[in-house]
Amino acid sequence: MLERTARVHANFTEYVPFALLLIAFAEMRGINPMIIHLLCLALLSGRLAHAWGVSKEVENFKFRVTGMMLTLFTIGITALTIASTYFF
């Protein structure tokens, strides 16, 4: 159980700092605050779902996959939003 808990924490530290930096950069570029809030909500929901799915003794892949999809969605959309401010 301790290994699983450590893995949940490690996964969090691998993705969240990068996502938060991208969101901070988006905010500095003047992106609509509602979009920033929605991105943060997607990131929070994704990380909670992923932690729930991985932390169970019998992994719940539905939550794990949903959590990672929301996390990667947040990173991707934030990166595209930042890039779009340079081109449009």
C-alpha atoms as a PDB file:
ATOM      1  CA  MET A   1       0.000   0.000   0.000  1.00  0.00           C
ATOM      2  CA  LEU A   2       2.881   2.368   0.748  1.00  0.00           C
ATOM      3  CA  GLU A   3       4.319   1.794  -2.739  1.00  0.00           C
ATOM      4  CA  ARG A   4       0.982   2.665  -4.306  1.00  0.00           C
ATOM      5  CA  THR A   5       0.696   5.838  -2.218  1.00  0.00           C
ATOM      6  CA  ALA A   6       4.235   6.851  -3.159  1.00  0.00           C
ATOM      7  CA  ARG A   7       3.441   6.267  -6.830  1.00  0.00           C
ATOM      8  CA  VAL A   8       0.339   8.475  -6.623  1.00  0.00           C
ATOM      9  CA  HIS A   9       2.438  11.243  -5.094  1.00  0.00           C
ATOM     10  CA  ALA A  10       5.221  10.809  -7.647  1.00  0.00           C
ATOM     11  CA  ASN A  11       2.770  10.968 -10.540  1.00  0.00           C
ATOM     12  CA  PHE A  12       1.352  14.170  -9.101  1.00  0.00           C
ATOM     13  CA  THR A  13       4.811  15.749  -8.921  1.00  0.00           C
ATOM     14  CA  GLU A  14       5.547  14.719 -12.514  1.00  0.00           C
ATOM     15  CA  TYR A  15       2.562  16.482 -14.090  1.00  0.00           C
ATOM     16  CA  VAL A  16       1.139  19.203 -11.860  1.00  0.00           C
ATOM     17  CA  PRO A  17       4.089  21.640 -11.732  1.00  0.00           C
ATOM     18  CA  PHE A  18       4.252  21.727 -15.538  1.00  0.00           C
ATOM     19  CA  ALA A  19       0.485  22.218 -15.827  1.00  0.00           C
ATOM     20  CA  LEU A  20       0.500  25.001 -13.220  1.00  0.00           C
ATOM     21  CA  LEU A  21       3.363  26.784 -14.989  1.00  0.00           C
ATOM     22  CA  LEU A  22       1.458  26.659 -18.263  1.00  0.00           C
ATOM     23  CA  ILE A  23      -1.664  28.010 -16.556  1.00  0.00           C
ATOM     24  CA  ALA A  24       0.403  30.805 -14.973  1.00  0.00           C
ATOM     25  CA  PHE A  25       1.872  31.684 -18.376  1.00  0.00           C
ATOM     26  CA  ALA A  26      -1.623  31.709 -19.872  1.00  0.00           C
ATOM     27  CA  GLU A  27      -2.767  34.064 -17.148  1.00  0.00           C
ATOM     28  CA  MET A  28       0.215  36.339 -17.826  1.00  0.00           C
ATOM     29  CA  ARG A  29      -0.734  36.399 -21.524  1.00  0.00           C
ATOM     30  CA  GLY A  30      -4.117  37.838 -20.520  1.00  0.00           C
ATOM     31  CA  ILE A  31      -6.301  34.822 -21.218  1.00  0.00           C
ATOM     32  CA  ASN A  32      -9.923  35.186 -20.111  1.00  0.00           C
ATOM     33  CA  PRO A  33     -10.135  34.441 -16.349  1.00  0.00           C
ATOM     34  CA  MET A  34     -13.085  32.089 -16.934  1.00  0.00           C
ATOM     35  CA  ILE A  35     -10.888  29.919 -19.164  1.00  0.00           C
ATOM     36  CA  ILE A  36      -8.172  29.926 -16.502  1.00  0.00           C
ATOM     37  CA  HIS A  37     -10.698  28.800 -13.893  1.00  0.00           C
ATOM     38  CA  LEU A  38     -12.010  26.040 -16.154  1.00  0.00           C
ATOM     39  CA  LEU A  39      -8.481  24.796 -16.826  1.00  0.00           C
ATOM     40  CA  CYS A  40      -7.738  24.731 -13.094  1.00  0.00           C
ATOM     41  CA  LEU A  41     -10.992  22.888 -12.440  1.00  0.00           C
ATOM     42  CA  ALA A  42     -10.153  20.307 -15.121  1.00  0.00           C
ATOM     43  CA  LEU A  43      -6.675  19.832 -13.635  1.00  0.00           C
ATOM     44  CA  LEU A  44      -8.023  19.456 -10.094  1.00  0.00           C
ATOM     45  CA  SER A  45     -10.745  17.031 -11.202  1.00  0.00           C
ATOM     46  CA  GLY A  46      -8.259  15.011 -13.197  1.00  0.00           C
ATOM     47  CA  ARG A  47      -5.750  14.722 -10.397  1.00  0.00           C
ATOM     48  CA  LEU A  48      -8.440  13.745  -7.865  1.00  0.00           C
ATOM     49  CA  ALA A  49      -9.846  11.104 -10.222  1.00  0.00           C
ATOM     50  CA  HIS A  50      -6.391   9.725 -10.951  1.00  0.00           C
ATOM     51  CA  ALA A  51      -5.444   9.585  -7.271  1.00  0.00           C
ATOM     52  CA  TRP A  52      -8.703   7.821  -6.439  1.00  0.00           C
ATOM     53  CA  GLY A  53      -8.254   5.267  -9.203  1.00  0.00           C
ATOM     54  CA  VAL A  54      -4.628   4.454  -8.444  1.00  0.00           C
ATOM     55  CA  SER A  55      -4.851   4.474  -4.655  1.00  0.00           C
ATOM     56  CA  LYS A  56      -7.346   1.613  -4.435  1.00  0.00           C
ATOM     57  CA  GLU A  57      -6.041  -1.881  -3.701  1.00  0.00           C
ATOM     58  CA  VAL A  58      -7.680  -3.071  -6.914  1.00  0.00           C
ATOM     59  CA  GLU A  59      -7.017  -0.252  -9.375  1.00  0.00           C
ATOM     60  CA  ASN A  60     -10.050   1.379 -10.895  1.00  0.00           C
ATOM     61  CA  PHE A  61      -8.811   2.018 -14.429  1.00  0.00           C
ATOM     62  CA  LYS A  62     -11.867   4.102 -15.278  1.00  0.00           C
ATOM     63  CA  PHE A  63     -10.861   6.781 -12.777  1.00  0.00           C
ATOM     64  CA  ARG A  64      -7.172   6.446 -13.557  1.00  0.00           C
ATOM     65  CA  VAL A  65      -7.644   6.906 -17.307  1.00  0.00           C
ATOM     66  CA  THR A  66     -10.168   9.716 -16.845  1.00  0.00           C
ATOM     67  CA  GLY A  67      -7.751  11.482 -14.507  1.00  0.00           C
ATOM     68  CA  MET A  68      -4.856  11.262 -16.919  1.00  0.00           C
ATOM     69  CA  MET A  69      -7.014  12.340 -19.850  1.00  0.00           C
ATOM     70  CA  LEU A  70      -8.157  15.445 -17.950  1.00  0.00           C
ATOM     71  CA  THR A  71      -4.591  16.237 -16.897  1.00  0.00           C
ATOM     72  CA  LEU A  72      -3.214  15.888 -20.427  1.00  0.00           C
ATOM     73  CA  PHE A  73      -6.225  17.768 -21.808  1.00  0.00           C
ATOM     74  CA  THR A  74      -5.427  20.654 -19.470  1.00  0.00           C
ATOM     75  CA  ILE A  75      -1.768  20.704 -20.494  1.00  0.00           C
ATOM     76  CA  GLY A  76      -2.598  20.505 -24.202  1.00  0.00           C
ATOM     77  CA  ILE A  77      -5.358  23.092 -24.236  1.00  0.00           C
ATOM     78  CA  THR A  78      -3.295  25.491 -22.139  1.00  0.00           C
ATOM     79  CA  ALA A  79      -0.329  25.144 -24.491  1.00  0.00           C
ATOM     80  CA  LEU A  80      -2.556  25.713 -27.535  1.00  0.00           C
ATOM     81  CA  THR A  81      -4.187  28.707 -25.864  1.00  0.00           C
ATOM     82  CA  ILE A  82      -0.811  30.278 -25.153  1.00  0.00           C
ATOM     83  CA  ALA A  83       0.377  29.591 -28.689  1.00  0.00           C
ATOM     84  CA  SER A  84      -2.777  31.072 -30.168  1.00  0.00           C
ATOM     85  CA  THR A  85      -2.101  34.400 -28.429  1.00  0.00           C
ATOM     86  CA  TYR A  86       1.067  34.726 -30.516  1.00  0.00           C
ATOM     87  CA  PHE A  87      -0.621  34.015 -33.837  1.00  0.00           C
ATOM     88  CA  PHE A  88      -4.053  35.631 -33.534  1.00  0.00           C
END
